[in-house]
Amino acid sequence: MSRKNSDRYSFLRTIRMSPAENQRIIEYAEISGITVSEYIRRKCFGGRPITAYTDLASIRELRRLGGLLKHNFETVREGGCDPRIADEMEDTIAAIRRAIERLGLRDKN
């Protein structure tokens, strides 16, 4: 390792956070395909944008499935259905939305 690289990240800072916050940062870094340190540096100091490491085809497939479910839900709702089924379908659509956000659009906050 050259002298220039060894001086690049020579300071260590410690911060306190909750277990949930720590887990969230770890997950964000993993999804982005970078280390936790690099993730925190980019969030704090800018630099290259953080791009999700997730395959875009997976996100497209989740969106497609969500669209199909939403269409199916509208058809079932028009025909009248058990309220429990409607609630379950709404929960499923919401879960798909959350999965898409977690996989692809995390860094927009």
PDB file of N, CA and C in Angstrom:
ATOM      1  N   MET A   1       0.847  -1.172   0.000  1.00  0.00           N
ATOM      2  CA  MET A   1       0.000   0.000   0.000  1.00  0.00           C
ATOM      3  C   MET A   1       0.889   1.231   0.000  1.00  0.00           C
ATOM      4  N   SER A   2       0.560   2.194  -0.814  1.00  0.00           N
ATOM      5  CA  SER A   2       1.363   3.410  -0.876  1.00  0.00           C
ATOM      6  C   SER A   2       1.079   4.302   0.325  1.00  0.00           C
ATOM      7  N   ARG A   3       1.975   5.222   0.560  1.00  0.00           N
ATOM      8  CA  ARG A   3       1.838   6.161   1.684  1.00  0.00           C
ATOM      9  C   ARG A   3       0.573   7.005   1.520  1.00  0.00           C
ATOM     10  N   LYS A   4       0.265   7.385   0.309  1.00  0.00           N
ATOM     11  CA  LYS A   4      -0.913   8.213   0.036  1.00  0.00           C
ATOM     12  C   LYS A   4      -2.191   7.491   0.481  1.00  0.00           C
ATOM     13  N   ASN A   5      -2.340   6.211   0.158  1.00  0.00           N
ATOM     14  CA  ASN A   5      -3.529   5.449   0.534  1.00  0.00           C
ATOM     15  C   ASN A   5      -3.619   5.216   2.028  1.00  0.00           C
ATOM     16  N   SER A   6      -2.483   5.033   2.710  1.00  0.00           N
ATOM     17  CA  SER A   6      -2.527   4.777   4.148  1.00  0.00           C
ATOM     18  C   SER A   6      -2.969   6.015   4.921  1.00  0.00           C
ATOM     19  N   ASP A   7      -2.719   7.210   4.393  1.00  0.00           N
ATOM     20  CA  ASP A   7      -3.150   8.450   5.051  1.00  0.00           C
ATOM     21  C   ASP A   7      -4.591   8.822   4.716  1.00  0.00           C
ATOM     22  N   ARG A   8      -5.112   8.235   3.687  1.00  0.00           N
ATOM     23  CA  ARG A   8      -6.434   8.623   3.191  1.00  0.00           C
ATOM     24  C   ARG A   8      -7.515   8.497   4.255  1.00  0.00           C
ATOM     25  N   TYR A   9      -7.576   7.384   4.931  1.00  0.00           N
ATOM     26  CA  TYR A   9      -8.595   7.160   5.957  1.00  0.00           C
ATOM     27  C   TYR A   9      -7.917   6.831   7.280  1.00  0.00           C
ATOM     28  N   SER A  10      -7.186   7.791   7.811  1.00  0.00           N
ATOM     29  CA  SER A  10      -6.407   7.512   9.008  1.00  0.00           C
ATOM     30  C   SER A  10      -7.113   7.884  10.312  1.00  0.00           C
ATOM     31  N   PHE A  11      -8.293   8.494  10.247  1.00  0.00           N
ATOM     32  CA  PHE A  11      -9.012   8.876  11.458  1.00  0.00           C
ATOM     33  C   PHE A  11     -10.206   7.959  11.679  1.00  0.00           C
ATOM     34  N   LEU A  12     -10.438   7.661  12.941  1.00  0.00           N
ATOM     35  CA  LEU A  12     -11.551   6.803  13.323  1.00  0.00           C
ATOM     36  C   LEU A  12     -12.479   7.598  14.227  1.00  0.00           C
ATOM     37  N   ARG A  13     -13.756   7.605  13.911  1.00  0.00           N
ATOM     38  CA  ARG A  13     -14.768   8.276  14.727  1.00  0.00           C
ATOM     39  C   ARG A  13     -15.735   7.223  15.236  1.00  0.00           C
ATOM     40  N   THR A  14     -16.232   7.429  16.441  1.00  0.00           N
ATOM     41  CA  THR A  14     -17.207   6.523  17.019  1.00  0.00           C
ATOM     42  C   THR A  14     -18.507   7.281  17.231  1.00  0.00           C
ATOM     43  N   ILE A  15     -19.603   6.690  16.833  1.00  0.00           N
ATOM     44  CA  ILE A  15     -20.908   7.303  17.073  1.00  0.00           C
ATOM     45  C   ILE A  15     -21.802   6.282  17.765  1.00  0.00           C
ATOM     46  N   ARG A  16     -22.746   6.788  18.505  1.00  0.00           N
ATOM     47  CA  ARG A  16     -23.707   5.906  19.173  1.00  0.00           C
ATOM     48  C   ARG A  16     -24.979   5.860  18.343  1.00  0.00           C
ATOM     49  N   MET A  17     -25.539   4.665  18.258  1.00  0.00           N
ATOM     50  CA  MET A  17     -26.801   4.497  17.541  1.00  0.00           C
ATOM     51  C   MET A  17     -27.518   3.290  18.123  1.00  0.00           C
ATOM     52  N   SER A  18     -28.778   3.219  17.830  1.00  0.00           N
ATOM     53  CA  SER A  18     -29.571   2.091  18.317  1.00  0.00           C
ATOM     54  C   SER A  18     -29.251   0.849  17.482  1.00  0.00           C
ATOM     55  N   PRO A  19     -29.580  -0.323  17.987  1.00  0.00           N
ATOM     56  CA  PRO A  19     -29.385  -1.544  17.189  1.00  0.00           C
ATOM     57  C   PRO A  19     -30.146  -1.479  15.861  1.00  0.00           C
ATOM     58  N   ALA A  20     -31.332  -0.892  15.870  1.00  0.00           N
ATOM     59  CA  ALA A  20     -32.125  -0.792  14.629  1.00  0.00           C
ATOM     60  C   ALA A  20     -31.435   0.120  13.617  1.00  0.00           C
ATOM     61  N   GLU A  21     -30.879   1.239  14.093  1.00  0.00           N
ATOM     62  CA  GLU A  21     -30.173   2.154  13.194  1.00  0.00           C
ATOM     63  C   GLU A  21     -28.934   1.478  12.608  1.00  0.00           C
ATOM     64  N   ASN A  22     -28.201   0.760  13.453  1.00  0.00           N
ATOM     65  CA  ASN A  22     -27.009   0.052  12.993  1.00  0.00           C
ATOM     66  C   ASN A  22     -27.376  -0.973  11.920  1.00  0.00           C
ATOM     67  N   GLN A  23     -28.432  -1.738  12.163  1.00  0.00           N
ATOM     68  CA  GLN A  23     -28.869  -2.746  11.190  1.00  0.00           C
ATOM     69  C   GLN A  23     -29.286  -2.092   9.884  1.00  0.00           C
ATOM     70  N   ARG A  24     -29.949  -0.965   9.980  1.00  0.00           N
ATOM     71  CA  ARG A  24     -30.401  -0.255   8.779  1.00  0.00           C
ATOM     72  C   ARG A  24     -29.209   0.196   7.934  1.00  0.00           C
ATOM     73  N   ILE A  25     -28.181   0.728   8.582  1.00  0.00           N
ATOM     74  CA  ILE A  25     -26.988   1.166   7.846  1.00  0.00           C
ATOM     75  C   ILE A  25     -26.302  -0.038   7.196  1.00  0.00           C
ATOM     76  N   ILE A  26     -26.207  -1.135   7.919  1.00  0.00           N
ATOM     77  CA  ILE A  26     -25.595  -2.342   7.360  1.00  0.00           C
ATOM     78  C   ILE A  26     -26.373  -2.814   6.132  1.00  0.00           C
ATOM     79  N   GLU A  27     -27.697  -2.837   6.232  1.00  0.00           N
ATOM     80  CA  GLU A  27     -28.528  -3.274   5.100  1.00  0.00           C
ATOM     81  C   GLU A  27     -28.366  -2.341   3.911  1.00  0.00           C
ATOM     82  N   TYR A  28     -28.368  -1.025   4.155  1.00  0.00           N
ATOM     83  CA  TYR A  28     -28.207  -0.058   3.062  1.00  0.00           C
ATOM     84  C   TYR A  28     -26.871  -0.263   2.355  1.00  0.00           C
ATOM     85  N   ALA A  29     -25.815  -0.473   3.124  1.00  0.00           N
ATOM     86  CA  ALA A  29     -24.496  -0.675   2.533  1.00  0.00           C
ATOM     87  C   ALA A  29     -24.465  -1.964   1.716  1.00  0.00           C
ATOM     88  N   GLU A  30     -25.052  -3.033   2.251  1.00  0.00           N
ATOM     89  CA  GLU A  30     -25.075  -4.305   1.525  1.00  0.00           C
ATOM     90  C   GLU A  30     -25.832  -4.179   0.213  1.00  0.00           C
ATOM     91  N   ILE A  31     -26.976  -3.528   0.255  1.00  0.00           N
ATOM     92  CA  ILE A  31     -27.763  -3.356  -0.966  1.00  0.00           C
ATOM     93  C   ILE A  31     -26.999  -2.523  -1.991  1.00  0.00           C
ATOM     94  N   SER A  32     -26.227  -1.556  -1.511  1.00  0.00           N
ATOM     95  CA  SER A  32     -25.447  -0.703  -2.400  1.00  0.00           C
ATOM     96  C   SER A  32     -24.169  -1.377  -2.874  1.00  0.00           C
ATOM     97  N   GLY A  33     -23.780  -2.470  -2.221  1.00  0.00           N
ATOM     98  CA  GLY A  33     -22.578  -3.179  -2.615  1.00  0.00           C
ATOM     99  C   GLY A  33     -21.295  -2.489  -2.176  1.00  0.00           C
ATOM    100  N   ILE A  34     -21.358  -1.712  -1.090  1.00  0.00           N
ATOM    101  CA  ILE A  34     -20.178  -1.016  -0.576  1.00  0.00           C
ATOM    102  C   ILE A  34     -20.054  -1.275   0.923  1.00  0.00           C
ATOM    103  N   THR A  35     -18.908  -0.906   1.482  1.00  0.00           N
ATOM    104  CA  THR A  35     -18.705  -1.102   2.910  1.00  0.00           C
ATOM    105  C   THR A  35     -19.537  -0.100   3.699  1.00  0.00           C
ATOM    106  N   VAL A  36     -19.735  -0.394   4.969  1.00  0.00           N
ATOM    107  CA  VAL A  36     -20.465   0.518   5.848  1.00  0.00           C
ATOM    108  C   VAL A  36     -19.726   1.859   5.922  1.00  0.00           C
ATOM    109  N   SER A  37     -18.400   1.825   6.060  1.00  0.00           N
ATOM    110  CA  SER A  37     -17.618   3.065   6.127  1.00  0.00           C
ATOM    111  C   SER A  37     -17.808   3.909   4.872  1.00  0.00           C
ATOM    112  N   GLU A  38     -17.737   3.266   3.710  1.00  0.00           N
ATOM    113  CA  GLU A  38     -17.915   4.000   2.455  1.00  0.00           C
ATOM    114  C   GLU A  38     -19.332   4.561   2.350  1.00  0.00           C
ATOM    115  N   TYR A  39     -20.312   3.783   2.775  1.00  0.00           N
ATOM    116  CA  TYR A  39     -21.696   4.255   2.741  1.00  0.00           C
ATOM    117  C   TYR A  39     -21.852   5.515   3.590  1.00  0.00           C
ATOM    118  N   ILE A  40     -21.327   5.480   4.806  1.00  0.00           N
ATOM    119  CA  ILE A  40     -21.445   6.638   5.707  1.00  0.00           C
ATOM    120  C   ILE A  40     -20.700   7.842   5.131  1.00  0.00           C
ATOM    121  N   ARG A  41     -19.486   7.633   4.592  1.00  0.00           N
ATOM    122  CA  ARG A  41     -18.744   8.755   3.994  1.00  0.00           C
ATOM    123  C   ARG A  41     -19.537   9.384   2.858  1.00  0.00           C
ATOM    124  N   ARG A  42     -20.106   8.567   1.994  1.00  0.00           N
ATOM    125  CA  ARG A  42     -20.872   9.116   0.861  1.00  0.00           C
ATOM    126  C   ARG A  42     -22.117   9.860   1.331  1.00  0.00           C
ATOM    127  N   LYS A  43     -22.801   9.346   2.349  1.00  0.00           N
ATOM    128  CA  LYS A  43     -23.992  10.021   2.860  1.00  0.00           C
ATOM    129  C   LYS A  43     -23.629  11.350   3.517  1.00  0.00           C
ATOM    130  N   CYS A  44     -22.518  11.386   4.225  1.00  0.00           N
ATOM    131  CA  CYS A  44     -22.123  12.597   4.942  1.00  0.00           C
ATOM    132  C   CYS A  44     -21.468  13.633   4.033  1.00  0.00           C
ATOM    133  N   PHE A  45     -20.630  13.185   3.119  1.00  0.00           N
ATOM    134  CA  PHE A  45     -19.794  14.108   2.362  1.00  0.00           C
ATOM    135  C   PHE A  45     -20.099  14.147   0.875  1.00  0.00           C
ATOM    136  N   GLY A  46     -21.123  13.468   0.451  1.00  0.00           N
ATOM    137  CA  GLY A  46     -21.469  13.484  -0.967  1.00  0.00           C
ATOM    138  C   GLY A  46     -20.539  12.589  -1.760  1.00  0.00           C
ATOM    139  N   GLY A  47     -20.144  13.056  -2.896  1.00  0.00           N
ATOM    140  CA  GLY A  47     -19.290  12.232  -3.754  1.00  0.00           C
ATOM    141  C   GLY A  47     -20.153  11.446  -4.719  1.00  0.00           C
ATOM    142  N   ARG A  48     -19.653  10.296  -5.114  1.00  0.00           N
ATOM    143  CA  ARG A  48     -20.403   9.484  -6.074  1.00  0.00           C
ATOM    144  C   ARG A  48     -21.748   9.089  -5.484  1.00  0.00           C
ATOM    145  N   PRO A  49     -22.793   9.131  -6.290  1.00  0.00           N
ATOM    146  CA  PRO A  49     -24.108   8.724  -5.783  1.00  0.00           C
ATOM    147  C   PRO A  49     -24.124   7.255  -5.389  1.00  0.00           C
ATOM    148  N   ILE A  50     -24.962   6.951  -4.426  1.00  0.00           N
ATOM    149  CA  ILE A  50     -25.122   5.565  -3.989  1.00  0.00           C
ATOM    150  C   ILE A  50     -26.198   4.931  -4.848  1.00  0.00           C
ATOM    151  N   THR A  51     -25.819   3.870  -5.532  1.00  0.00           N
ATOM    152  CA  THR A  51     -26.740   3.177  -6.424  1.00  0.00           C
ATOM    153  C   THR A  51     -26.982   1.785  -5.875  1.00  0.00           C
ATOM    154  N   ALA A  52     -28.227   1.393  -5.878  1.00  0.00           N
ATOM    155  CA  ALA A  52     -28.564   0.058  -5.384  1.00  0.00           C
ATOM    156  C   ALA A  52     -27.866  -1.001  -6.216  1.00  0.00           C
ATOM    157  N   TYR A  53     -27.387  -2.014  -5.566  1.00  0.00           N
ATOM    158  CA  TYR A  53     -26.683  -3.114  -6.189  1.00  0.00           C
ATOM    159  C   TYR A  53     -27.663  -4.129  -6.774  1.00  0.00           C
ATOM    160  N   THR A  54     -28.913  -4.011  -6.407  1.00  0.00           N
ATOM    161  CA  THR A  54     -29.941  -4.971  -6.802  1.00  0.00           C
ATOM    162  C   THR A  54     -30.165  -4.954  -8.306  1.00  0.00           C
ATOM    163  N   ASP A  55     -30.424  -6.088  -8.830  1.00  0.00           N
ATOM    164  CA  ASP A  55     -30.697  -6.255 -10.243  1.00  0.00           C
ATOM    165  C   ASP A  55     -31.992  -5.532 -10.613  1.00  0.00           C
ATOM    166  N   LEU A  56     -31.932  -4.700 -11.631  1.00  0.00           N
ATOM    167  CA  LEU A  56     -33.120  -3.955 -12.053  1.00  0.00           C
ATOM    168  C   LEU A  56     -34.231  -4.881 -12.541  1.00  0.00           C
ATOM    169  N   ALA A  57     -33.874  -6.040 -13.055  1.00  0.00           N
ATOM    170  CA  ALA A  57     -34.895  -6.994 -13.497  1.00  0.00           C
ATOM    171  C   ALA A  57     -35.750  -7.456 -12.316  1.00  0.00           C
ATOM    172  N   SER A  58     -35.145  -7.590 -11.143  1.00  0.00           N
ATOM    173  CA  SER A  58     -35.905  -7.979  -9.949  1.00  0.00           C
ATOM    174  C   SER A  58     -36.925  -6.907  -9.582  1.00  0.00           C
ATOM    175  N   ILE A  59     -36.510  -5.668  -9.669  1.00  0.00           N
ATOM    176  CA  ILE A  59     -37.420  -4.561  -9.361  1.00  0.00           C
ATOM    177  C   ILE A  59     -38.555  -4.520 -10.383  1.00  0.00           C
ATOM    178  N   ARG A  60     -38.211  -4.679 -11.662  1.00  0.00           N
ATOM    179  CA  ARG A  60     -39.260  -4.689 -12.699  1.00  0.00           C
ATOM    180  C   ARG A  60     -40.261  -5.817 -12.457  1.00  0.00           C
ATOM    181  N   GLU A  61     -39.739  -6.988 -12.070  1.00  0.00           N
ATOM    182  CA  GLU A  61     -40.626  -8.131 -11.824  1.00  0.00           C
ATOM    183  C   GLU A  61     -41.547  -7.859 -10.635  1.00  0.00           C
ATOM    184  N   LEU A  62     -41.014  -7.273  -9.572  1.00  0.00           N
ATOM    185  CA  LEU A  62     -41.862  -6.918  -8.431  1.00  0.00           C
ATOM    186  C   LEU A  62     -42.940  -5.912  -8.841  1.00  0.00           C
ATOM    187  N   ARG A  63     -42.562  -4.937  -9.647  1.00  0.00           N
ATOM    188  CA  ARG A  63     -43.557  -3.962 -10.126  1.00  0.00           C
ATOM    189  C   ARG A  63     -44.619  -4.634 -10.975  1.00  0.00           C
ATOM    190  N   ARG A  64     -44.197  -5.560 -11.828  1.00  0.00           N
ATOM    191  CA  ARG A  64     -45.155  -6.286 -12.685  1.00  0.00           C
ATOM    192  C   ARG A  64     -46.117  -7.095 -11.828  1.00  0.00           C
ATOM    193  N   LEU A  65     -45.577  -7.811 -10.837  1.00  0.00           N
ATOM    194  CA  LEU A  65     -46.435  -8.604  -9.958  1.00  0.00           C
ATOM    195  C   LEU A  65     -47.380  -7.714  -9.158  1.00  0.00           C
ATOM    196  N   GLY A  66     -46.881  -6.577  -8.706  1.00  0.00           N
ATOM    197  CA  GLY A  66     -47.738  -5.636  -7.988  1.00  0.00           C
ATOM    198  C   GLY A  66     -48.861  -5.128  -8.871  1.00  0.00           C
ATOM    199  N   GLY A  67     -48.543  -4.838 -10.132  1.00  0.00           N
ATOM    200  CA  GLY A  67     -49.563  -4.376 -11.075  1.00  0.00           C
ATOM    201  C   GLY A  67     -50.625  -5.432 -11.335  1.00  0.00           C
ATOM    202  N   LEU A  68     -50.169  -6.676 -11.504  1.00  0.00           N
ATOM    203  CA  LEU A  68     -51.119  -7.774 -11.703  1.00  0.00           C
ATOM    204  C   LEU A  68     -52.009  -7.960 -10.483  1.00  0.00           C
ATOM    205  N   LEU A  69     -51.409  -7.895  -9.310  1.00  0.00           N
ATOM    206  CA  LEU A  69     -52.183  -8.044  -8.081  1.00  0.00           C
ATOM    207  C   LEU A  69     -53.196  -6.911  -7.929  1.00  0.00           C
ATOM    208  N   LYS A  70     -52.761  -5.689  -8.253  1.00  0.00           N
ATOM    209  CA  LYS A  70     -53.665  -4.543  -8.152  1.00  0.00           C
ATOM    210  C   LYS A  70     -54.847  -4.709  -9.113  1.00  0.00           C
ATOM    211  N   HIS A  71     -54.554  -5.156 -10.338  1.00  0.00           N
ATOM    212  CA  HIS A  71     -55.629  -5.388 -11.315  1.00  0.00           C
ATOM    213  C   HIS A  71     -56.578  -6.470 -10.802  1.00  0.00           C
ATOM    214  N   ASN A  72     -56.029  -7.547 -10.296  1.00  0.00           N
ATOM    215  CA  ASN A  72     -56.835  -8.630  -9.754  1.00  0.00           C
ATOM    216  C   ASN A  72     -57.671  -8.135  -8.575  1.00  0.00           C
ATOM    217  N   PHE A  73     -57.080  -7.322  -7.747  1.00  0.00           N
ATOM    218  CA  PHE A  73     -57.766  -6.777  -6.589  1.00  0.00           C
ATOM    219  C   PHE A  73     -58.974  -5.937  -7.017  1.00  0.00           C
ATOM    220  N   GLU A  74     -58.792  -5.110  -8.029  1.00  0.00           N
ATOM    221  CA  GLU A  74     -59.899  -4.284  -8.516  1.00  0.00           C
ATOM    222  C   GLU A  74     -61.030  -5.162  -9.050  1.00  0.00           C
ATOM    223  N   THR A  75     -60.686  -6.224  -9.767  1.00  0.00           N
ATOM    224  CA  THR A  75     -61.693  -7.147 -10.299  1.00  0.00           C
ATOM    225  C   THR A  75     -62.460  -7.833  -9.164  1.00  0.00           C
ATOM    226  N   VAL A  76     -61.731  -8.290  -8.156  1.00  0.00           N
ATOM    227  CA  VAL A  76     -62.357  -8.966  -7.018  1.00  0.00           C
ATOM    228  C   VAL A  76     -63.231  -7.988  -6.240  1.00  0.00           C
ATOM    229  N   ARG A  77     -62.750  -6.771  -6.054  1.00  0.00           N
ATOM    230  CA  ARG A  77     -63.508  -5.768  -5.300  1.00  0.00           C
ATOM    231  C   ARG A  77     -64.826  -5.440  -6.005  1.00  0.00           C
ATOM    232  N   GLU A  78     -64.782  -5.314  -7.341  1.00  0.00           N
ATOM    233  CA  GLU A  78     -65.997  -5.013  -8.102  1.00  0.00           C
ATOM    234  C   GLU A  78     -67.027  -6.133  -7.963  1.00  0.00           C
ATOM    235  N   GLY A  79     -66.563  -7.374  -7.872  1.00  0.00           N
ATOM    236  CA  GLY A  79     -67.454  -8.517  -7.748  1.00  0.00           C
ATOM    237  C   GLY A  79     -67.937  -8.727  -6.322  1.00  0.00           C
ATOM    238  N   GLY A  80     -67.437  -7.948  -5.388  1.00  0.00           N
ATOM    239  CA  GLY A  80     -67.794  -8.127  -3.983  1.00  0.00           C
ATOM    240  C   GLY A  80     -67.009  -9.297  -3.409  1.00  0.00           C
ATOM    241  N   CYS A  81     -66.365  -9.054  -2.296  1.00  0.00           N
ATOM    242  CA  CYS A  81     -65.562 -10.123  -1.701  1.00  0.00           C
ATOM    243  C   CYS A  81     -65.572  -9.976  -0.181  1.00  0.00           C
ATOM    244  N   ASP A  82     -65.117 -11.005   0.456  1.00  0.00           N
ATOM    245  CA  ASP A  82     -64.977 -11.018   1.904  1.00  0.00           C
ATOM    246  C   ASP A  82     -63.996  -9.901   2.304  1.00  0.00           C
ATOM    247  N   PRO A  83     -64.350  -9.075   3.263  1.00  0.00           N
ATOM    248  CA  PRO A  83     -63.457  -7.975   3.673  1.00  0.00           C
ATOM    249  C   PRO A  83     -62.080  -8.459   4.117  1.00  0.00           C
ATOM    250  N   ARG A  84     -62.006  -9.656   4.657  1.00  0.00           N
ATOM    251  CA  ARG A  84     -60.694 -10.182   5.071  1.00  0.00           C
ATOM    252  C   ARG A  84     -59.785 -10.413   3.867  1.00  0.00           C
ATOM    253  N   ILE A  85     -60.374 -10.862   2.764  1.00  0.00           N
ATOM    254  CA  ILE A  85     -59.587 -11.075   1.539  1.00  0.00           C
ATOM    255  C   ILE A  85     -59.103  -9.729   1.006  1.00  0.00           C
ATOM    256  N   ALA A  86     -59.989  -8.730   1.024  1.00  0.00           N
ATOM    257  CA  ALA A  86     -59.596  -7.398   0.573  1.00  0.00           C
ATOM    258  C   ALA A  86     -58.450  -6.849   1.420  1.00  0.00           C
ATOM    259  N   ASP A  87     -58.533  -7.028   2.726  1.00  0.00           N
ATOM    260  CA  ASP A  87     -57.461  -6.562   3.618  1.00  0.00           C
ATOM    261  C   ASP A  87     -56.146  -7.283   3.323  1.00  0.00           C
ATOM    262  N   GLU A  88     -56.226  -8.577   3.097  1.00  0.00           N
ATOM    263  CA  GLU A  88     -55.024  -9.352   2.800  1.00  0.00           C
ATOM    264  C   GLU A  88     -54.387  -8.901   1.490  1.00  0.00           C
ATOM    265  N   MET A  89     -55.219  -8.635   0.482  1.00  0.00           N
ATOM    266  CA  MET A  89     -54.699  -8.169  -0.805  1.00  0.00           C
ATOM    267  C   MET A  89     -54.055  -6.786  -0.657  1.00  0.00           C
ATOM    268  N   GLU A  90     -54.671  -5.907   0.111  1.00  0.00           N
ATOM    269  CA  GLU A  90     -54.095  -4.577   0.360  1.00  0.00           C
ATOM    270  C   GLU A  90     -52.740  -4.712   1.050  1.00  0.00           C
ATOM    271  N   ASP A  91     -52.657  -5.614   2.035  1.00  0.00           N
ATOM    272  CA  ASP A  91     -51.398  -5.840   2.750  1.00  0.00           C
ATOM    273  C   ASP A  91     -50.314  -6.357   1.797  1.00  0.00           C
ATOM    274  N   THR A  92     -50.706  -7.229   0.880  1.00  0.00           N
ATOM    275  CA  THR A  92     -49.751  -7.791  -0.077  1.00  0.00           C
ATOM    276  C   THR A  92     -49.233  -6.712  -1.016  1.00  0.00           C
ATOM    277  N   ILE A  93     -50.114  -5.856  -1.511  1.00  0.00           N
ATOM    278  CA  ILE A  93     -49.689  -4.752  -2.377  1.00  0.00           C
ATOM    279  C   ILE A  93     -48.733  -3.834  -1.617  1.00  0.00           C
ATOM    280  N   ALA A  94     -49.044  -3.531  -0.367  1.00  0.00           N
ATOM    281  CA  ALA A  94     -48.168  -2.679   0.443  1.00  0.00           C
ATOM    282  C   ALA A  94     -46.807  -3.336   0.655  1.00  0.00           C
ATOM    283  N   ALA A  95     -46.785  -4.647   0.869  1.00  0.00           N
ATOM    284  CA  ALA A  95     -45.520  -5.368   1.060  1.00  0.00           C
ATOM    285  C   ALA A  95     -44.666  -5.321  -0.209  1.00  0.00           C
ATOM    286  N   ILE A  96     -45.301  -5.443  -1.351  1.00  0.00           N
ATOM    287  CA  ILE A  96     -44.568  -5.358  -2.619  1.00  0.00           C
ATOM    288  C   ILE A  96     -43.988  -3.962  -2.791  1.00  0.00           C
ATOM    289  N   ARG A  97     -44.770  -2.936  -2.482  1.00  0.00           N
ATOM    290  CA  ARG A  97     -44.269  -1.554  -2.555  1.00  0.00           C
ATOM    291  C   ARG A  97     -43.044  -1.355  -1.666  1.00  0.00           C
ATOM    292  N   ARG A  98     -43.139  -1.865  -0.428  1.00  0.00           N
ATOM    293  CA  ARG A  98     -42.004  -1.728   0.504  1.00  0.00           C
ATOM    294  C   ARG A  98     -40.775  -2.466  -0.019  1.00  0.00           C
ATOM    295  N   ALA A  99     -40.982  -3.642  -0.605  1.00  0.00           N
ATOM    296  CA  ALA A  99     -39.853  -4.406  -1.146  1.00  0.00           C
ATOM    297  C   ALA A  99     -39.179  -3.656  -2.287  1.00  0.00           C
ATOM    298  N   ILE A 100     -39.975  -3.055  -3.155  1.00  0.00           N
ATOM    299  CA  ILE A 100     -39.419  -2.270  -4.263  1.00  0.00           C
ATOM    300  C   ILE A 100     -38.607  -1.101  -3.717  1.00  0.00           C
ATOM    301  N   GLU A 101     -39.149  -0.401  -2.736  1.00  0.00           N
ATOM    302  CA  GLU A 101     -38.439   0.735  -2.146  1.00  0.00           C
ATOM    303  C   GLU A 101     -37.138   0.289  -1.495  1.00  0.00           C
ATOM    304  N   ARG A 102     -37.177  -0.818  -0.755  1.00  0.00           N
ATOM    305  CA  ARG A 102     -35.967  -1.314  -0.094  1.00  0.00           C
ATOM    306  C   ARG A 102     -34.909  -1.720  -1.104  1.00  0.00           C
ATOM    307  N   LEU A 103     -35.330  -2.308  -2.216  1.00  0.00           N
ATOM    308  CA  LEU A 103     -34.371  -2.802  -3.196  1.00  0.00           C
ATOM    309  C   LEU A 103     -33.799  -1.723  -4.089  1.00  0.00           C
ATOM    310  N   GLY A 104     -34.585  -0.723  -4.410  1.00  0.00           N
ATOM    311  CA  GLY A 104     -34.120   0.180  -5.443  1.00  0.00           C
ATOM    312  C   GLY A 104     -34.030   1.638  -5.132  1.00  0.00           C
ATOM    313  N   LEU A 105     -34.826   2.142  -4.252  1.00  0.00           N
ATOM    314  CA  LEU A 105     -34.913   3.585  -4.118  1.00  0.00           C
ATOM    315  C   LEU A 105     -34.525   4.073  -2.737  1.00  0.00           C
ATOM    316  N   ARG A 106     -33.764   3.337  -2.010  1.00  0.00           N
ATOM    317  CA  ARG A 106     -33.405   3.685  -0.639  1.00  0.00           C
ATOM    318  C   ARG A 106     -32.721   5.003  -0.497  1.00  0.00           C
ATOM    319  N   ASP A 107     -31.865   5.345  -1.411  1.00  0.00           N
ATOM    320  CA  ASP A 107     -30.980   6.484  -1.218  1.00  0.00           C
ATOM    321  C   ASP A 107     -31.641   7.828  -1.481  1.00  0.00           C
ATOM    322  N   LYS A 108     -32.890   7.876  -1.814  1.00  0.00           N
ATOM    323  CA  LYS A 108     -33.569   9.114  -2.137  1.00  0.00           C
ATOM    324  C   LYS A 108     -33.903   9.947  -0.906  1.00  0.00           C
ATOM    325  N   ASN A 109     -33.707   9.432   0.329  1.00  0.00           N
ATOM    326  CA  ASN A 109     -34.049  10.166   1.563  1.00  0.00           C
ATOM    327  C   ASN A 109     -33.124  11.302   1.810  1.00  0.00           C
TER     328      ASN A 109
END
